[in-house]
Amino acid sequence: MLKVNNTNNGVKAFIGGLKADDVAAKVQECQSGQCSCACDPEMMKKIENIEVSAEDNGVDITITGDVKAEELEPMMKGCLL
C-alpha cells in the first residue's frame, strides 16, 4: 500500500508492509544517483530533505522540497515497492 499526499513544503508518503531500514537504503541510493530504478536526477535536485521513520505497519516518508505527490508517486512506486 502506498499513500502519497502533498504538504505545505513537499510530500508525505506512507508505504505499508516495508521496513524503514530497507526503504532508507533505497532512498539513499536514489539520492546518490546509484539507484537501479527509474529515479529522475532532475527531480532529486528539487528535494531538500527526505526523512524515513518506522511505523507499526509500514514506513512514513517526509520529503521536503519543490515537489508534488503527482510527480513523486510513480517514481516511488517504481523505486520503493
C-alpha atoms as a PDB file:
ATOM      1  CA  MET A   1       0.000   0.000   0.000  1.00  0.00           C
ATOM      2  CA  LEU A   2       1.304   3.425  -0.975  1.00  0.00           C
ATOM      3  CA  LYS A   3      -0.332   6.715   0.011  1.00  0.00           C
ATOM      4  CA  VAL A   4       1.222   9.975  -1.183  1.00  0.00           C
ATOM      5  CA  ASN A   5      -0.111  13.411  -0.189  1.00  0.00           C
ATOM      6  CA  ASN A   6       1.017  16.978  -0.773  1.00  0.00           C
ATOM      7  CA  THR A   7       2.049  19.101   2.222  1.00  0.00           C
ATOM      8  CA  ASN A   8       2.846  22.820   2.527  1.00  0.00           C
ATOM      9  CA  ASN A   9       6.534  22.233   1.852  1.00  0.00           C
ATOM     10  CA  GLY A  10       6.685  18.936  -0.034  1.00  0.00           C
ATOM     11  CA  VAL A  11       5.168  15.476   0.159  1.00  0.00           C
ATOM     12  CA  LYS A  12       4.298  12.951   2.866  1.00  0.00           C
ATOM     13  CA  ALA A  13       4.042   9.264   1.979  1.00  0.00           C
ATOM     14  CA  PHE A  14       3.164   6.047   3.760  1.00  0.00           C
ATOM     15  CA  ILE A  15       4.245   2.647   2.493  1.00  0.00           C
ATOM     16  CA  GLY A  16       2.651  -0.348   4.171  1.00  0.00           C
ATOM     17  CA  GLY A  17       4.419  -3.620   4.796  1.00  0.00           C
ATOM     18  CA  LEU A  18       8.030  -2.474   4.385  1.00  0.00           C
ATOM     19  CA  LYS A  19      10.852  -1.946   6.879  1.00  0.00           C
ATOM     20  CA  ALA A  20      12.296   1.528   7.447  1.00  0.00           C
ATOM     21  CA  ASP A  21      15.889   0.295   7.017  1.00  0.00           C
ATOM     22  CA  ASP A  22      15.094  -1.170   3.594  1.00  0.00           C
ATOM     23  CA  VAL A  23      13.330   1.998   2.434  1.00  0.00           C
ATOM     24  CA  ALA A  24      16.091   4.251   3.822  1.00  0.00           C
ATOM     25  CA  ALA A  25      18.712   2.265   1.878  1.00  0.00           C
ATOM     26  CA  LYS A  26      16.752   2.641  -1.371  1.00  0.00           C
ATOM     27  CA  VAL A  27      16.229   6.366  -0.741  1.00  0.00           C
ATOM     28  CA  GLN A  28      19.968   6.784  -0.161  1.00  0.00           C
ATOM     29  CA  GLU A  29      20.712   5.036  -3.476  1.00  0.00           C
ATOM     30  CA  CYS A  30      18.364   7.427  -5.293  1.00  0.00           C
ATOM     31  CA  GLN A  31      19.859  10.478  -3.585  1.00  0.00           C
ATOM     32  CA  SER A  32      23.404   9.440  -4.531  1.00  0.00           C
ATOM     33  CA  GLY A  33      22.431   8.586  -8.117  1.00  0.00           C
ATOM     34  CA  GLN A  34      23.336   4.920  -7.615  1.00  0.00           C
ATOM     35  CA  CYS A  35      19.792   3.558  -7.844  1.00  0.00           C
ATOM     36  CA  SER A  36      18.817   0.705 -10.122  1.00  0.00           C
ATOM     37  CA  CYS A  37      15.337   2.100 -10.706  1.00  0.00           C
ATOM     38  CA  ALA A  38      13.877   4.985 -12.685  1.00  0.00           C
ATOM     39  CA  CYS A  39      15.000   7.810 -10.390  1.00  0.00           C
ATOM     40  CA  ASP A  40      14.894  11.173 -12.129  1.00  0.00           C
ATOM     41  CA  PRO A  41      18.096  13.109 -11.291  1.00  0.00           C
ATOM     42  CA  GLU A  42      16.333  16.412 -12.050  1.00  0.00           C
ATOM     43  CA  MET A  43      13.560  15.519  -9.595  1.00  0.00           C
ATOM     44  CA  MET A  44      16.115  14.573  -6.937  1.00  0.00           C
ATOM     45  CA  LYS A  45      17.692  18.053  -7.267  1.00  0.00           C
ATOM     46  CA  LYS A  46      14.357  19.610  -6.203  1.00  0.00           C
ATOM     47  CA  ILE A  47      14.345  17.633  -2.944  1.00  0.00           C
ATOM     48  CA  GLU A  48      15.913  19.337   0.072  1.00  0.00           C
ATOM     49  CA  ASN A  49      15.443  16.561   2.630  1.00  0.00           C
ATOM     50  CA  ILE A  50      13.992  13.057   2.982  1.00  0.00           C
ATOM     51  CA  GLU A  51      13.087  11.610   6.384  1.00  0.00           C
ATOM     52  CA  VAL A  52      12.186   7.942   6.786  1.00  0.00           C
ATOM     53  CA  SER A  53      10.537   6.738  10.002  1.00  0.00           C
ATOM     54  CA  ALA A  54       9.233   3.340  11.065  1.00  0.00           C
ATOM     55  CA  GLU A  55       5.549   2.873  11.869  1.00  0.00           C
ATOM     56  CA  ASP A  56       3.736  -0.166  13.282  1.00  0.00           C
ATOM     57  CA  ASN A  57       2.580  -1.418   9.899  1.00  0.00           C
ATOM     58  CA  GLY A  58       4.944   0.319   7.467  1.00  0.00           C
ATOM     59  CA  VAL A  59       7.092   3.363   6.834  1.00  0.00           C
ATOM     60  CA  ASP A  60       6.428   7.114   6.817  1.00  0.00           C
ATOM     61  CA  ILE A  61       8.442   9.224   4.385  1.00  0.00           C
ATOM     62  CA  THR A  62       8.531  13.017   4.613  1.00  0.00           C
ATOM     63  CA  ILE A  63      10.008  14.753   1.572  1.00  0.00           C
ATOM     64  CA  THR A  64      10.796  18.464   1.767  1.00  0.00           C
ATOM     65  CA  GLY A  65      11.314  20.455  -1.412  1.00  0.00           C
ATOM     66  CA  ASP A  66       9.715  21.783  -4.583  1.00  0.00           C
ATOM     67  CA  VAL A  67       7.914  18.526  -5.397  1.00  0.00           C
ATOM     68  CA  LYS A  68       4.328  17.322  -5.732  1.00  0.00           C
ATOM     69  CA  ALA A  69       2.701  13.984  -4.933  1.00  0.00           C
ATOM     70  CA  GLU A  70       1.616  13.570  -8.563  1.00  0.00           C
ATOM     71  CA  GLU A  71       5.271  13.758  -9.690  1.00  0.00           C
ATOM     72  CA  LEU A  72       6.742  11.542  -6.993  1.00  0.00           C
ATOM     73  CA  GLU A  73       4.142   8.776  -6.710  1.00  0.00           C
ATOM     74  CA  PRO A  74       5.088   6.995  -9.985  1.00  0.00           C
ATOM     75  CA  MET A  75       8.790   7.249  -9.143  1.00  0.00           C
ATOM     76  CA  MET A  76       8.178   5.938  -5.611  1.00  0.00           C
ATOM     77  CA  LYS A  77       6.130   3.007  -6.940  1.00  0.00           C
ATOM     78  CA  GLY A  78       8.945   2.057  -9.296  1.00  0.00           C
ATOM     79  CA  CYS A  79      11.805   2.532  -6.861  1.00  0.00           C
ATOM     80  CA  LEU A  80      10.477   1.609  -3.435  1.00  0.00           C
ATOM     81  CA  LEU A  81       7.845  -1.076  -3.988  1.00  0.00           C
END
